[in-house]
Amino acid sequence: MQQQFFQIVSDFNQSAIESAKRFSEFNQRTLENLFNKQSEVAQACYANSQKNVSLLAQAKDPKSFVVLQSEMVRECGETMVNGFHEGTAMLDQARNEFISLVEESAVNNSKSFKKVTDLVARS
């Protein structure tokens, strides 16, 4: 019985290490994806700022500048909203993956505890 108990504990520890590794990989992948999305949006905003300066130089009068700047602001707003929607979709996907990892870990833990209780009940 002692050998069986040590095997169950060893299997449980191995499962815990594998789960921790998968959670770590999940966290790293999620943070990289979010950082990349934030970087894209920041680059787009920077490009829009450069465009704004260019528009200022091209404007013949204040009214034409305001019209050109309004278009630029609309484009920048669309970029921000699209980035928000894409980020939200990424977080939804990450949430679903996280739930799957937690459920899988719970099932594995339940099986391990069942083995231990069965072993103890038989002795």
PDB file of N, CA and C in Angstrom:
ATOM      1  N   MET A   1       0.822  -1.184   0.000  1.00  0.00           N
ATOM      2  CA  MET A   1       0.000   0.000   0.000  1.00  0.00           C
ATOM      3  C   MET A   1       0.870   1.253   0.000  1.00  0.00           C
ATOM      4  N   GLN A   2       1.962   1.204   0.730  1.00  0.00           N
ATOM      5  CA  GLN A   2       2.831   2.373   0.802  1.00  0.00           C
ATOM      6  C   GLN A   2       3.387   2.729  -0.584  1.00  0.00           C
ATOM      7  N   GLN A   3       3.759   1.706  -1.344  1.00  0.00           N
ATOM      8  CA  GLN A   3       4.277   1.936  -2.694  1.00  0.00           C
ATOM      9  C   GLN A   3       3.194   2.571  -3.578  1.00  0.00           C
ATOM     10  N   GLN A   4       1.970   2.078  -3.461  1.00  0.00           N
ATOM     11  CA  GLN A   4       0.874   2.641  -4.246  1.00  0.00           C
ATOM     12  C   GLN A   4       0.609   4.113  -3.872  1.00  0.00           C
ATOM     13  N   PHE A   5       0.682   4.386  -2.569  1.00  0.00           N
ATOM     14  CA  PHE A   5       0.464   5.749  -2.106  1.00  0.00           C
ATOM     15  C   PHE A   5       1.546   6.680  -2.667  1.00  0.00           C
ATOM     16  N   PHE A   6       2.804   6.259  -2.616  1.00  0.00           N
ATOM     17  CA  PHE A   6       3.891   7.075  -3.154  1.00  0.00           C
ATOM     18  C   PHE A   6       3.741   7.276  -4.666  1.00  0.00           C
ATOM     19  N   GLN A   7       3.241   6.266  -5.354  1.00  0.00           N
ATOM     20  CA  GLN A   7       3.018   6.405  -6.799  1.00  0.00           C
ATOM     21  C   GLN A   7       1.917   7.420  -7.076  1.00  0.00           C
ATOM     22  N   ILE A   8       0.852   7.381  -6.271  1.00  0.00           N
ATOM     23  CA  ILE A   8      -0.242   8.346  -6.440  1.00  0.00           C
ATOM     24  C   ILE A   8       0.268   9.758  -6.180  1.00  0.00           C
ATOM     25  N   VAL A   9       1.047   9.939  -5.123  1.00  0.00           N
ATOM     26  CA  VAL A   9       1.600  11.257  -4.799  1.00  0.00           C
ATOM     27  C   VAL A   9       2.536  11.722  -5.911  1.00  0.00           C
ATOM     28  N   SER A  10       3.342  10.823  -6.423  1.00  0.00           N
ATOM     29  CA  SER A  10       4.249  11.160  -7.516  1.00  0.00           C
ATOM     30  C   SER A  10       3.462  11.580  -8.761  1.00  0.00           C
ATOM     31  N   ASP A  11       2.421  10.833  -9.102  1.00  0.00           N
ATOM     32  CA  ASP A  11       1.582  11.177 -10.253  1.00  0.00           C
ATOM     33  C   ASP A  11       0.897  12.534 -10.053  1.00  0.00           C
ATOM     34  N   PHE A  12       0.425  12.766  -8.827  1.00  0.00           N
ATOM     35  CA  PHE A  12      -0.223  14.034  -8.515  1.00  0.00           C
ATOM     36  C   PHE A  12       0.760  15.194  -8.679  1.00  0.00           C
ATOM     37  N   ASN A  13       1.970  15.028  -8.158  1.00  0.00           N
ATOM     38  CA  ASN A  13       2.982  16.077  -8.281  1.00  0.00           C
ATOM     39  C   ASN A  13       3.341  16.342  -9.740  1.00  0.00           C
ATOM     40  N   GLN A  14       3.468  15.279 -10.511  1.00  0.00           N
ATOM     41  CA  GLN A  14       3.778  15.435 -11.938  1.00  0.00           C
ATOM     42  C   GLN A  14       2.651  16.181 -12.645  1.00  0.00           C
ATOM     43  N   SER A  15       1.425  15.839 -12.321  1.00  0.00           N
ATOM     44  CA  SER A  15       0.272  16.513 -12.906  1.00  0.00           C
ATOM     45  C   SER A  15       0.251  17.990 -12.519  1.00  0.00           C
ATOM     46  N   ALA A  16       0.583  18.279 -11.274  1.00  0.00           N
ATOM     47  CA  ALA A  16       0.610  19.670 -10.806  1.00  0.00           C
ATOM     48  C   ALA A  16       1.687  20.469 -11.533  1.00  0.00           C
ATOM     49  N   ILE A  17       2.837  19.864 -11.740  1.00  0.00           N
ATOM     50  CA  ILE A  17       3.924  20.541 -12.459  1.00  0.00           C
ATOM     51  C   ILE A  17       3.521  20.808 -13.907  1.00  0.00           C
ATOM     52  N   GLU A  18       2.905  19.830 -14.540  1.00  0.00           N
ATOM     53  CA  GLU A  18       2.446  20.017 -15.923  1.00  0.00           C
ATOM     54  C   GLU A  18       1.384  21.113 -16.008  1.00  0.00           C
ATOM     55  N   SER A  19       0.473  21.134 -15.041  1.00  0.00           N
ATOM     56  CA  SER A  19      -0.560  22.181 -15.021  1.00  0.00           C
ATOM     57  C   SER A  19       0.069  23.560 -14.836  1.00  0.00           C
ATOM     58  N   ALA A  20       1.021  23.662 -13.928  1.00  0.00           N
ATOM     59  CA  ALA A  20       1.693  24.941 -13.693  1.00  0.00           C
ATOM     60  C   ALA A  20       2.421  25.409 -14.954  1.00  0.00           C
ATOM     61  N   LYS A  21       3.032  24.475 -15.652  1.00  0.00           N
ATOM     62  CA  LYS A  21       3.732  24.819 -16.886  1.00  0.00           C
ATOM     63  C   LYS A  21       2.743  25.321 -17.945  1.00  0.00           C
ATOM     64  N   ARG A  22       1.604  24.640 -18.077  1.00  0.00           N
ATOM     65  CA  ARG A  22       0.603  25.064 -19.055  1.00  0.00           C
ATOM     66  C   ARG A  22       0.026  26.445 -18.693  1.00  0.00           C
ATOM     67  N   PHE A  23      -0.210  26.696 -17.393  1.00  0.00           N
ATOM     68  CA  PHE A  23      -0.701  27.999 -16.966  1.00  0.00           C
ATOM     69  C   PHE A  23       0.336  29.082 -17.262  1.00  0.00           C
ATOM     70  N   SER A  24       1.590  28.776 -17.021  1.00  0.00           N
ATOM     71  CA  SER A  24       2.663  29.730 -17.302  1.00  0.00           C
ATOM     72  C   SER A  24       2.732  30.053 -18.791  1.00  0.00           C
ATOM     73  N   GLU A  25       2.672  29.024 -19.627  1.00  0.00           N
ATOM     74  CA  GLU A  25       2.693  29.235 -21.077  1.00  0.00           C
ATOM     75  C   GLU A  25       1.475  30.030 -21.532  1.00  0.00           C
ATOM     76  N   PHE A  26       0.329  29.726 -20.943  1.00  0.00           N
ATOM     77  CA  PHE A  26      -0.902  30.449 -21.257  1.00  0.00           C
ATOM     78  C   PHE A  26      -0.752  31.928 -20.909  1.00  0.00           C
ATOM     79  N   ASN A  27      -0.248  32.217 -19.712  1.00  0.00           N
ATOM     80  CA  ASN A  27      -0.076  33.608 -19.284  1.00  0.00           C
ATOM     81  C   ASN A  27       0.892  34.356 -20.203  1.00  0.00           C
ATOM     82  N   GLN A  28       1.993  33.710 -20.537  1.00  0.00           N
ATOM     83  CA  GLN A  28       2.981  34.342 -21.409  1.00  0.00           C
ATOM     84  C   GLN A  28       2.379  34.641 -22.783  1.00  0.00           C
ATOM     85  N   ARG A  29       1.687  33.686 -23.352  1.00  0.00           N
ATOM     86  CA  ARG A  29       1.081  33.850 -24.671  1.00  0.00           C
ATOM     87  C   ARG A  29       0.027  34.965 -24.642  1.00  0.00           C
ATOM     88  N   THR A  30      -0.784  34.990 -23.601  1.00  0.00           N
ATOM     89  CA  THR A  30      -1.828  36.009 -23.494  1.00  0.00           C
ATOM     90  C   THR A  30      -1.223  37.401 -23.369  1.00  0.00           C
ATOM     91  N   LEU A  31      -0.209  37.542 -22.516  1.00  0.00           N
ATOM     92  CA  LEU A  31       0.426  38.851 -22.346  1.00  0.00           C
ATOM     93  C   LEU A  31       1.134  39.306 -23.615  1.00  0.00           C
ATOM     94  N   GLU A  32       1.768  38.382 -24.329  1.00  0.00           N
ATOM     95  CA  GLU A  32       2.415  38.740 -25.592  1.00  0.00           C
ATOM     96  C   GLU A  32       1.382  39.228 -26.605  1.00  0.00           C
ATOM     97  N   ASN A  33       0.255  38.537 -26.703  1.00  0.00           N
ATOM     98  CA  ASN A  33      -0.792  38.943 -27.641  1.00  0.00           C
ATOM     99  C   ASN A  33      -1.344  40.326 -27.288  1.00  0.00           C
ATOM    100  N   LEU A  34      -1.597  40.561 -26.008  1.00  0.00           N
ATOM    101  CA  LEU A  34      -2.108  41.871 -25.593  1.00  0.00           C
ATOM    102  C   LEU A  34      -1.081  42.976 -25.839  1.00  0.00           C
ATOM    103  N   PHE A  35       0.181  42.689 -25.538  1.00  0.00           N
ATOM    104  CA  PHE A  35       1.228  43.682 -25.772  1.00  0.00           C
ATOM    105  C   PHE A  35       1.330  44.015 -27.256  1.00  0.00           C
ATOM    106  N   ASN A  36       1.279  42.993 -28.104  1.00  0.00           N
ATOM    107  CA  ASN A  36       1.353  43.225 -29.549  1.00  0.00           C
ATOM    108  C   ASN A  36       0.184  44.073 -30.030  1.00  0.00           C
ATOM    109  N   LYS A  37      -1.007  43.802 -29.510  1.00  0.00           N
ATOM    110  CA  LYS A  37      -2.184  44.586 -29.903  1.00  0.00           C
ATOM    111  C   LYS A  37      -2.031  46.030 -29.430  1.00  0.00           C
ATOM    112  N   GLN A  38      -1.573  46.235 -28.203  1.00  0.00           N
ATOM    113  CA  GLN A  38      -1.364  47.591 -27.697  1.00  0.00           C
ATOM    114  C   GLN A  38      -0.306  48.320 -28.529  1.00  0.00           C
ATOM    115  N   SER A  39       0.708  47.606 -28.917  1.00  0.00           N
ATOM    116  CA  SER A  39       1.764  48.193 -29.734  1.00  0.00           C
ATOM    117  C   SER A  39       1.218  48.630 -31.091  1.00  0.00           C
ATOM    118  N   GLU A  40       0.381  47.799 -31.700  1.00  0.00           N
ATOM    119  CA  GLU A  40      -0.237  48.156 -32.986  1.00  0.00           C
ATOM    120  C   GLU A  40      -1.065  49.433 -32.857  1.00  0.00           C
ATOM    121  N   VAL A  41      -1.859  49.510 -31.810  1.00  0.00           N
ATOM    122  CA  VAL A  41      -2.713  50.682 -31.618  1.00  0.00           C
ATOM    123  C   VAL A  41      -1.852  51.920 -31.354  1.00  0.00           C
ATOM    124  N   ALA A  42      -0.807  51.777 -30.546  1.00  0.00           N
ATOM    125  CA  ALA A  42       0.079  52.912 -30.256  1.00  0.00           C
ATOM    126  C   ALA A  42       0.783  53.382 -31.531  1.00  0.00           C
ATOM    127  N   GLN A  43       1.225  52.452 -32.360  1.00  0.00           N
ATOM    128  CA  GLN A  43       1.872  52.818 -33.617  1.00  0.00           C
ATOM    129  C   GLN A  43       0.895  53.546 -34.536  1.00  0.00           C
ATOM    130  N   ALA A  44      -0.346  53.088 -34.564  1.00  0.00           N
ATOM    131  CA  ALA A  44      -1.361  53.743 -35.395  1.00  0.00           C
ATOM    132  C   ALA A  44      -1.617  55.166 -34.896  1.00  0.00           C
ATOM    133  N   CYS A  45      -1.664  55.340 -33.590  1.00  0.00           N
ATOM    134  CA  CYS A  45      -1.880  56.678 -33.036  1.00  0.00           C
ATOM    135  C   CYS A  45      -0.688  57.590 -33.341  1.00  0.00           C
ATOM    136  N   TYR A  46       0.507  57.041 -33.271  1.00  0.00           N
ATOM    137  CA  TYR A  46       1.707  57.815 -33.608  1.00  0.00           C
ATOM    138  C   TYR A  46       1.670  58.227 -35.077  1.00  0.00           C
ATOM    139  N   ALA A  47       1.299  57.302 -35.950  1.00  0.00           N
ATOM    140  CA  ALA A  47       1.194  57.608 -37.379  1.00  0.00           C
ATOM    141  C   ALA A  47       0.136  58.688 -37.608  1.00  0.00           C
ATOM    142  N   ASN A  48      -0.959  58.625 -36.870  1.00  0.00           N
ATOM    143  CA  ASN A  48      -1.996  59.647 -36.995  1.00  0.00           C
ATOM    144  C   ASN A  48      -1.493  61.010 -36.525  1.00  0.00           C
ATOM    145  N   SER A  49      -0.653  61.017 -35.496  1.00  0.00           N
ATOM    146  CA  SER A  49      -0.078  62.278 -35.029  1.00  0.00           C
ATOM    147  C   SER A  49       0.825  62.880 -36.097  1.00  0.00           C
ATOM    148  N   GLN A  50       1.612  62.028 -36.726  1.00  0.00           N
ATOM    149  CA  GLN A  50       2.467  62.512 -37.810  1.00  0.00           C
ATOM    150  C   GLN A  50       1.615  63.059 -38.956  1.00  0.00           C
ATOM    151  N   LYS A  51       0.534  62.365 -39.248  1.00  0.00           N
ATOM    152  CA  LYS A  51      -0.369  62.801 -40.313  1.00  0.00           C
ATOM    153  C   LYS A  51      -0.982  64.153 -39.953  1.00  0.00           C
ATOM    154  N   ASN A  52      -1.287  64.346 -38.682  1.00  0.00           N
ATOM    155  CA  ASN A  52      -1.871  65.600 -38.217  1.00  0.00           C
ATOM    156  C   ASN A  52      -0.907  66.763 -38.462  1.00  0.00           C
ATOM    157  N   VAL A  53       0.361  66.550 -38.185  1.00  0.00           N
ATOM    158  CA  VAL A  53       1.362  67.591 -38.422  1.00  0.00           C
ATOM    159  C   VAL A  53       1.455  67.888 -39.912  1.00  0.00           C
ATOM    160  N   SER A  54       1.424  66.840 -40.709  1.00  0.00           N
ATOM    161  CA  SER A  54       1.458  67.013 -42.168  1.00  0.00           C
ATOM    162  C   SER A  54       0.235  67.779 -42.649  1.00  0.00           C
ATOM    163  N   LEU A  55      -0.918  67.466 -42.087  1.00  0.00           N
ATOM    164  CA  LEU A  55      -2.148  68.175 -42.459  1.00  0.00           C
ATOM    165  C   LEU A  55      -2.058  69.659 -42.108  1.00  0.00           C
ATOM    166  N   LEU A  56      -1.470  69.946 -40.975  1.00  0.00           N
ATOM    167  CA  LEU A  56      -1.317  71.331 -40.563  1.00  0.00           C
ATOM    168  C   LEU A  56      -0.477  72.096 -41.581  1.00  0.00           C
ATOM    169  N   ALA A  57       0.557  71.451 -42.082  1.00  0.00           N
ATOM    170  CA  ALA A  57       1.420  72.096 -43.080  1.00  0.00           C
ATOM    171  C   ALA A  57       0.701  72.268 -44.416  1.00  0.00           C
ATOM    172  N   GLN A  58      -0.222  71.369 -44.752  1.00  0.00           N
ATOM    173  CA  GLN A  58      -0.922  71.422 -46.039  1.00  0.00           C
ATOM    174  C   GLN A  58      -2.129  72.356 -46.024  1.00  0.00           C
ATOM    175  N   ALA A  59      -2.639  72.643 -44.860  1.00  0.00           N
ATOM    176  CA  ALA A  59      -3.867  73.429 -44.771  1.00  0.00           C
ATOM    177  C   ALA A  59      -3.633  74.847 -45.276  1.00  0.00           C
ATOM    178  N   LYS A  60      -4.571  75.318 -46.068  1.00  0.00           N
ATOM    179  CA  LYS A  60      -4.473  76.661 -46.633  1.00  0.00           C
ATOM    180  C   LYS A  60      -5.112  77.712 -45.721  1.00  0.00           C
ATOM    181  N   ASP A  61      -6.045  77.244 -44.894  1.00  0.00           N
ATOM    182  CA  ASP A  61      -6.701  78.147 -43.944  1.00  0.00           C
ATOM    183  C   ASP A  61      -7.192  77.314 -42.758  1.00  0.00           C
ATOM    184  N   PRO A  62      -7.576  77.965 -41.669  1.00  0.00           N
ATOM    185  CA  PRO A  62      -8.022  77.216 -40.484  1.00  0.00           C
ATOM    186  C   PRO A  62      -9.204  76.289 -40.751  1.00  0.00           C
ATOM    187  N   LYS A  63     -10.116  76.709 -41.606  1.00  0.00           N
ATOM    188  CA  LYS A  63     -11.284  75.883 -41.886  1.00  0.00           C
ATOM    189  C   LYS A  63     -10.872  74.570 -42.560  1.00  0.00           C
ATOM    190  N   SER A  64      -9.993  74.632 -43.545  1.00  0.00           N
ATOM    191  CA  SER A  64      -9.557  73.399 -44.222  1.00  0.00           C
ATOM    192  C   SER A  64      -8.778  72.504 -43.261  1.00  0.00           C
ATOM    193  N   PHE A  65      -8.017  73.126 -42.354  1.00  0.00           N
ATOM    194  CA  PHE A  65      -7.297  72.325 -41.363  1.00  0.00           C
ATOM    195  C   PHE A  65      -8.268  71.583 -40.458  1.00  0.00           C
ATOM    196  N   VAL A  66      -9.312  72.254 -40.009  1.00  0.00           N
ATOM    197  CA  VAL A  66     -10.305  71.628 -39.127  1.00  0.00           C
ATOM    198  C   VAL A  66     -10.988  70.470 -39.849  1.00  0.00           C
ATOM    199  N   VAL A  67     -11.294  70.650 -41.118  1.00  0.00           N
ATOM    200  CA  VAL A  67     -11.933  69.581 -41.890  1.00  0.00           C
ATOM    201  C   VAL A  67     -10.983  68.388 -42.010  1.00  0.00           C
ATOM    202  N   LEU A  68      -9.718  68.661 -42.358  1.00  0.00           N
ATOM    203  CA  LEU A  68      -8.728  67.582 -42.491  1.00  0.00           C
ATOM    204  C   LEU A  68      -8.480  66.902 -41.150  1.00  0.00           C
ATOM    205  N   GLN A  69      -8.398  67.697 -40.100  1.00  0.00           N
ATOM    206  CA  GLN A  69      -8.157  67.134 -38.769  1.00  0.00           C
ATOM    207  C   GLN A  69      -9.353  66.301 -38.302  1.00  0.00           C
ATOM    208  N   SER A  70     -10.544  66.690 -38.632  1.00  0.00           N
ATOM    209  CA  SER A  70     -11.734  65.919 -38.255  1.00  0.00           C
ATOM    210  C   SER A  70     -11.687  64.527 -38.873  1.00  0.00           C
ATOM    211  N   GLU A  71     -11.267  64.464 -40.125  1.00  0.00           N
ATOM    212  CA  GLU A  71     -11.132  63.161 -40.794  1.00  0.00           C
ATOM    213  C   GLU A  71     -10.064  62.309 -40.098  1.00  0.00           C
ATOM    214  N   MET A  72      -8.956  62.944 -39.748  1.00  0.00           N
ATOM    215  CA  MET A  72      -7.883  62.226 -39.060  1.00  0.00           C
ATOM    216  C   MET A  72      -8.358  61.709 -37.696  1.00  0.00           C
ATOM    217  N   VAL A  73      -9.088  62.524 -36.968  1.00  0.00           N
ATOM    218  CA  VAL A  73      -9.599  62.118 -35.651  1.00  0.00           C
ATOM    219  C   VAL A  73     -10.574  60.959 -35.805  1.00  0.00           C
ATOM    220  N   ARG A  74     -11.410  60.987 -36.834  1.00  0.00           N
ATOM    221  CA  ARG A  74     -12.347  59.894 -37.082  1.00  0.00           C
ATOM    222  C   ARG A  74     -11.581  58.598 -37.357  1.00  0.00           C
ATOM    223  N   GLU A  75     -10.543  58.681 -38.186  1.00  0.00           N
ATOM    224  CA  GLU A  75      -9.733  57.491 -38.489  1.00  0.00           C
ATOM    225  C   GLU A  75      -9.050  56.953 -37.230  1.00  0.00           C
ATOM    226  N   CYS A  76      -8.526  57.872 -36.427  1.00  0.00           N
ATOM    227  CA  CYS A  76      -7.858  57.456 -35.179  1.00  0.00           C
ATOM    228  C   CYS A  76      -8.872  56.806 -34.234  1.00  0.00           C
ATOM    229  N   GLY A  77     -10.060  57.366 -34.150  1.00  0.00           N
ATOM    230  CA  GLY A  77     -11.113  56.785 -33.307  1.00  0.00           C
ATOM    231  C   GLY A  77     -11.493  55.394 -33.767  1.00  0.00           C
ATOM    232  N   GLU A  78     -11.595  55.210 -35.080  1.00  0.00           N
ATOM    233  CA  GLU A  78     -11.912  53.879 -35.615  1.00  0.00           C
ATOM    234  C   GLU A  78     -10.801  52.883 -35.271  1.00  0.00           C
ATOM    235  N   THR A  79      -9.560  53.325 -35.377  1.00  0.00           N
ATOM    236  CA  THR A  79      -8.429  52.461 -35.026  1.00  0.00           C
ATOM    237  C   THR A  79      -8.502  52.050 -33.560  1.00  0.00           C
ATOM    238  N   MET A  80      -8.809  53.004 -32.693  1.00  0.00           N
ATOM    239  CA  MET A  80      -8.895  52.707 -31.256  1.00  0.00           C
ATOM    240  C   MET A  80     -10.053  51.743 -30.964  1.00  0.00           C
ATOM    241  N   VAL A  81     -11.194  51.979 -31.576  1.00  0.00           N
ATOM    242  CA  VAL A  81     -12.358  51.116 -31.347  1.00  0.00           C
ATOM    243  C   VAL A  81     -12.080  49.705 -31.866  1.00  0.00           C
ATOM    244  N   ASN A  82     -11.481  49.610 -33.060  1.00  0.00           N
ATOM    245  CA  ASN A  82     -11.137  48.289 -33.598  1.00  0.00           C
ATOM    246  C   ASN A  82     -10.141  47.573 -32.687  1.00  0.00           C
ATOM    247  N   GLY A  83      -9.154  48.311 -32.184  1.00  0.00           N
ATOM    248  CA  GLY A  83      -8.194  47.719 -31.248  1.00  0.00           C
ATOM    249  C   GLY A  83      -8.871  47.224 -29.985  1.00  0.00           C
ATOM    250  N   PHE A  84      -9.837  48.009 -29.500  1.00  0.00           N
ATOM    251  CA  PHE A  84     -10.593  47.604 -28.313  1.00  0.00           C
ATOM    252  C   PHE A  84     -11.362  46.317 -28.573  1.00  0.00           C
ATOM    253  N   HIS A  85     -12.049  46.239 -29.723  1.00  0.00           N
ATOM    254  CA  HIS A  85     -12.825  45.037 -30.048  1.00  0.00           C
ATOM    255  C   HIS A  85     -11.921  43.819 -30.224  1.00  0.00           C
ATOM    256  N   GLU A  86     -10.795  44.007 -30.886  1.00  0.00           N
ATOM    257  CA  GLU A  86      -9.864  42.889 -31.068  1.00  0.00           C
ATOM    258  C   GLU A  86      -9.271  42.448 -29.730  1.00  0.00           C
ATOM    259  N   GLY A  87      -8.948  43.414 -28.868  1.00  0.00           N
ATOM    260  CA  GLY A  87      -8.438  43.080 -27.542  1.00  0.00           C
ATOM    261  C   GLY A  87      -9.465  42.338 -26.705  1.00  0.00           C
ATOM    262  N   THR A  88     -10.715  42.769 -26.799  1.00  0.00           N
ATOM    263  CA  THR A  88     -11.795  42.097 -26.077  1.00  0.00           C
ATOM    264  C   THR A  88     -11.971  40.668 -26.576  1.00  0.00           C
ATOM    265  N   ALA A  89     -11.888  40.482 -27.887  1.00  0.00           N
ATOM    266  CA  ALA A  89     -12.002  39.130 -28.445  1.00  0.00           C
ATOM    267  C   ALA A  89     -10.842  38.257 -27.972  1.00  0.00           C
ATOM    268  N   MET A  90      -9.648  38.829 -27.910  1.00  0.00           N
ATOM    269  CA  MET A  90      -8.498  38.062 -27.417  1.00  0.00           C
ATOM    270  C   MET A  90      -8.690  37.671 -25.957  1.00  0.00           C
ATOM    271  N   LEU A  91      -9.220  38.581 -25.156  1.00  0.00           N
ATOM    272  CA  LEU A  91      -9.456  38.276 -23.746  1.00  0.00           C
ATOM    273  C   LEU A  91     -10.557  37.233 -23.568  1.00  0.00           C
ATOM    274  N   ASP A  92     -11.577  37.280 -24.412  1.00  0.00           N
ATOM    275  CA  ASP A  92     -12.617  36.242 -24.369  1.00  0.00           C
ATOM    276  C   ASP A  92     -12.017  34.874 -24.670  1.00  0.00           C
ATOM    277  N   GLN A  93     -11.184  34.820 -25.683  1.00  0.00           N
ATOM    278  CA  GLN A  93     -10.531  33.562 -26.043  1.00  0.00           C
ATOM    279  C   GLN A  93      -9.627  33.092 -24.903  1.00  0.00           C
ATOM    280  N   ALA A  94      -8.895  34.019 -24.298  1.00  0.00           N
ATOM    281  CA  ALA A  94      -8.015  33.672 -23.181  1.00  0.00           C
ATOM    282  C   ALA A  94      -8.835  33.164 -21.990  1.00  0.00           C
ATOM    283  N   ARG A  95      -9.972  33.811 -21.728  1.00  0.00           N
ATOM    284  CA  ARG A  95     -10.835  33.370 -20.625  1.00  0.00           C
ATOM    285  C   ARG A  95     -11.297  31.938 -20.855  1.00  0.00           C
ATOM    286  N   ASN A  96     -11.737  31.634 -22.085  1.00  0.00           N
ATOM    287  CA  ASN A  96     -12.204  30.285 -22.389  1.00  0.00           C
ATOM    288  C   ASN A  96     -11.087  29.258 -22.240  1.00  0.00           C
ATOM    289  N   GLU A  97      -9.900  29.611 -22.690  1.00  0.00           N
ATOM    290  CA  GLU A  97      -8.763  28.700 -22.545  1.00  0.00           C
ATOM    291  C   GLU A  97      -8.408  28.505 -21.073  1.00  0.00           C
ATOM    292  N   PHE A  98      -8.461  29.583 -20.294  1.00  0.00           N
ATOM    293  CA  PHE A  98      -8.174  29.499 -18.869  1.00  0.00           C
ATOM    294  C   PHE A  98      -9.187  28.597 -18.162  1.00  0.00           C
ATOM    295  N   ILE A  99     -10.456  28.757 -18.506  1.00  0.00           N
ATOM    296  CA  ILE A  99     -11.505  27.917 -17.912  1.00  0.00           C
ATOM    297  C   ILE A  99     -11.238  26.448 -18.230  1.00  0.00           C
ATOM    298  N   SER A 100     -10.852  26.165 -19.462  1.00  0.00           N
ATOM    299  CA  SER A 100     -10.548  24.781 -19.848  1.00  0.00           C
ATOM    300  C   SER A 100      -9.387  24.224 -19.040  1.00  0.00           C
ATOM    301  N   LEU A 101      -8.349  25.036 -18.852  1.00  0.00           N
ATOM    302  CA  LEU A 101      -7.197  24.590 -18.053  1.00  0.00           C
ATOM    303  C   LEU A 101      -7.607  24.314 -16.608  1.00  0.00           C
ATOM    304  N   VAL A 102      -8.414  25.191 -16.044  1.00  0.00           N
ATOM    305  CA  VAL A 102      -8.860  25.007 -14.653  1.00  0.00           C
ATOM    306  C   VAL A 102      -9.721  23.753 -14.533  1.00  0.00           C
ATOM    307  N   GLU A 103     -10.640  23.574 -15.477  1.00  0.00           N
ATOM    308  CA  GLU A 103     -11.504  22.391 -15.427  1.00  0.00           C
ATOM    309  C   GLU A 103     -10.689  21.111 -15.569  1.00  0.00           C
ATOM    310  N   GLU A 104      -9.713  21.114 -16.461  1.00  0.00           N
ATOM    311  CA  GLU A 104      -8.856  19.939 -16.638  1.00  0.00           C
ATOM    312  C   GLU A 104      -8.070  19.643 -15.365  1.00  0.00           C
ATOM    313  N   SER A 105      -7.546  20.680 -14.741  1.00  0.00           N
ATOM    314  CA  SER A 105      -6.802  20.499 -13.491  1.00  0.00           C
ATOM    315  C   SER A 105      -7.709  19.976 -12.383  1.00  0.00           C
ATOM    316  N   ALA A 106      -8.923  20.488 -12.327  1.00  0.00           N
ATOM    317  CA  ALA A 106      -9.873  20.028 -11.303  1.00  0.00           C
ATOM    318  C   ALA A 106     -10.195  18.549 -11.495  1.00  0.00           C
ATOM    319  N   VAL A 107     -10.376  18.122 -12.734  1.00  0.00           N
ATOM    320  CA  VAL A 107     -10.668  16.714 -13.015  1.00  0.00           C
ATOM    321  C   VAL A 107      -9.479  15.843 -12.596  1.00  0.00           C
ATOM    322  N   ASN A 108      -8.267  16.280 -12.947  1.00  0.00           N
ATOM    323  CA  ASN A 108      -7.071  15.511 -12.576  1.00  0.00           C
ATOM    324  C   ASN A 108      -6.914  15.423 -11.072  1.00  0.00           C
ATOM    325  N   ASN A 109      -7.150  16.537 -10.373  1.00  0.00           N
ATOM    326  CA  ASN A 109      -7.053  16.524  -8.907  1.00  0.00           C
ATOM    327  C   ASN A 109      -8.108  15.615  -8.300  1.00  0.00           C
ATOM    328  N   SER A 110      -9.301  15.664  -8.836  1.00  0.00           N
ATOM    329  CA  SER A 110     -10.386  14.817  -8.337  1.00  0.00           C
ATOM    330  C   SER A 110     -10.026  13.337  -8.490  1.00  0.00           C
ATOM    331  N   LYS A 111      -9.462  12.985  -9.637  1.00  0.00           N
ATOM    332  CA  LYS A 111      -9.057  11.592  -9.861  1.00  0.00           C
ATOM    333  C   LYS A 111      -7.977  11.165  -8.871  1.00  0.00           C
ATOM    334  N   SER A 112      -7.018  12.071  -8.624  1.00  0.00           N
ATOM    335  CA  SER A 112      -5.945  11.745  -7.673  1.00  0.00           C
ATOM    336  C   SER A 112      -6.492  11.540  -6.265  1.00  0.00           C
ATOM    337  N   PHE A 113      -7.369  12.439  -5.837  1.00  0.00           N
ATOM    338  CA  PHE A 113      -7.946  12.301  -4.504  1.00  0.00           C
ATOM    339  C   PHE A 113      -8.811  11.049  -4.394  1.00  0.00           C
ATOM    340  N   LYS A 114      -9.492  10.697  -5.463  1.00  0.00           N
ATOM    341  CA  LYS A 114     -10.303   9.476  -5.474  1.00  0.00           C
ATOM    342  C   LYS A 114      -9.408   8.259  -5.290  1.00  0.00           C
ATOM    343  N   LYS A 115      -8.272   8.252  -5.975  1.00  0.00           N
ATOM    344  CA  LYS A 115      -7.334   7.132  -5.833  1.00  0.00           C
ATOM    345  C   LYS A 115      -6.848   7.017  -4.384  1.00  0.00           C
ATOM    346  N   VAL A 116      -6.548   8.155  -3.789  1.00  0.00           N
ATOM    347  CA  VAL A 116      -6.061   8.137  -2.395  1.00  0.00           C
ATOM    348  C   VAL A 116      -7.159   7.642  -1.456  1.00  0.00           C
ATOM    349  N   THR A 117      -8.370   8.151  -1.613  1.00  0.00           N
ATOM    350  CA  THR A 117      -9.453   7.710  -0.719  1.00  0.00           C
ATOM    351  C   THR A 117      -9.786   6.244  -0.926  1.00  0.00           C
ATOM    352  N   ASP A 118      -9.724   5.774  -2.174  1.00  0.00           N
ATOM    353  CA  ASP A 118      -9.959   4.347  -2.429  1.00  0.00           C
ATOM    354  C   ASP A 118      -8.884   3.494  -1.790  1.00  0.00           C
ATOM    355  N   LEU A 119      -7.647   3.953  -1.880  1.00  0.00           N
ATOM    356  CA  LEU A 119      -6.528   3.221  -1.294  1.00  0.00           C
ATOM    357  C   LEU A 119      -6.653   3.168   0.235  1.00  0.00           C
ATOM    358  N   VAL A 120      -7.017   4.296   0.820  1.00  0.00           N
ATOM    359  CA  VAL A 120      -7.179   4.351   2.275  1.00  0.00           C
ATOM    360  C   VAL A 120      -8.367   3.484   2.708  1.00  0.00           C
ATOM    361  N   ALA A 121      -9.440   3.486   1.936  1.00  0.00           N
ATOM    362  CA  ALA A 121     -10.624   2.701   2.278  1.00  0.00           C
ATOM    363  C   ALA A 121     -10.332   1.210   2.224  1.00  0.00           C
ATOM    364  N   ARG A 122      -9.450   0.795   1.308  1.00  0.00           N
ATOM    365  CA  ARG A 122      -9.125  -0.626   1.202  1.00  0.00           C
ATOM    366  C   ARG A 122      -8.213  -1.115   2.316  1.00  0.00           C
ATOM    367  N   SER A 123      -7.528  -0.212   2.972  1.00  0.00           N
ATOM    368  CA  SER A 123      -6.594  -0.684   4.001  1.00  0.00           C
ATOM    369  C   SER A 123      -7.193  -0.785   5.366  1.00  0.00           C
TER     370      SER A 123
END
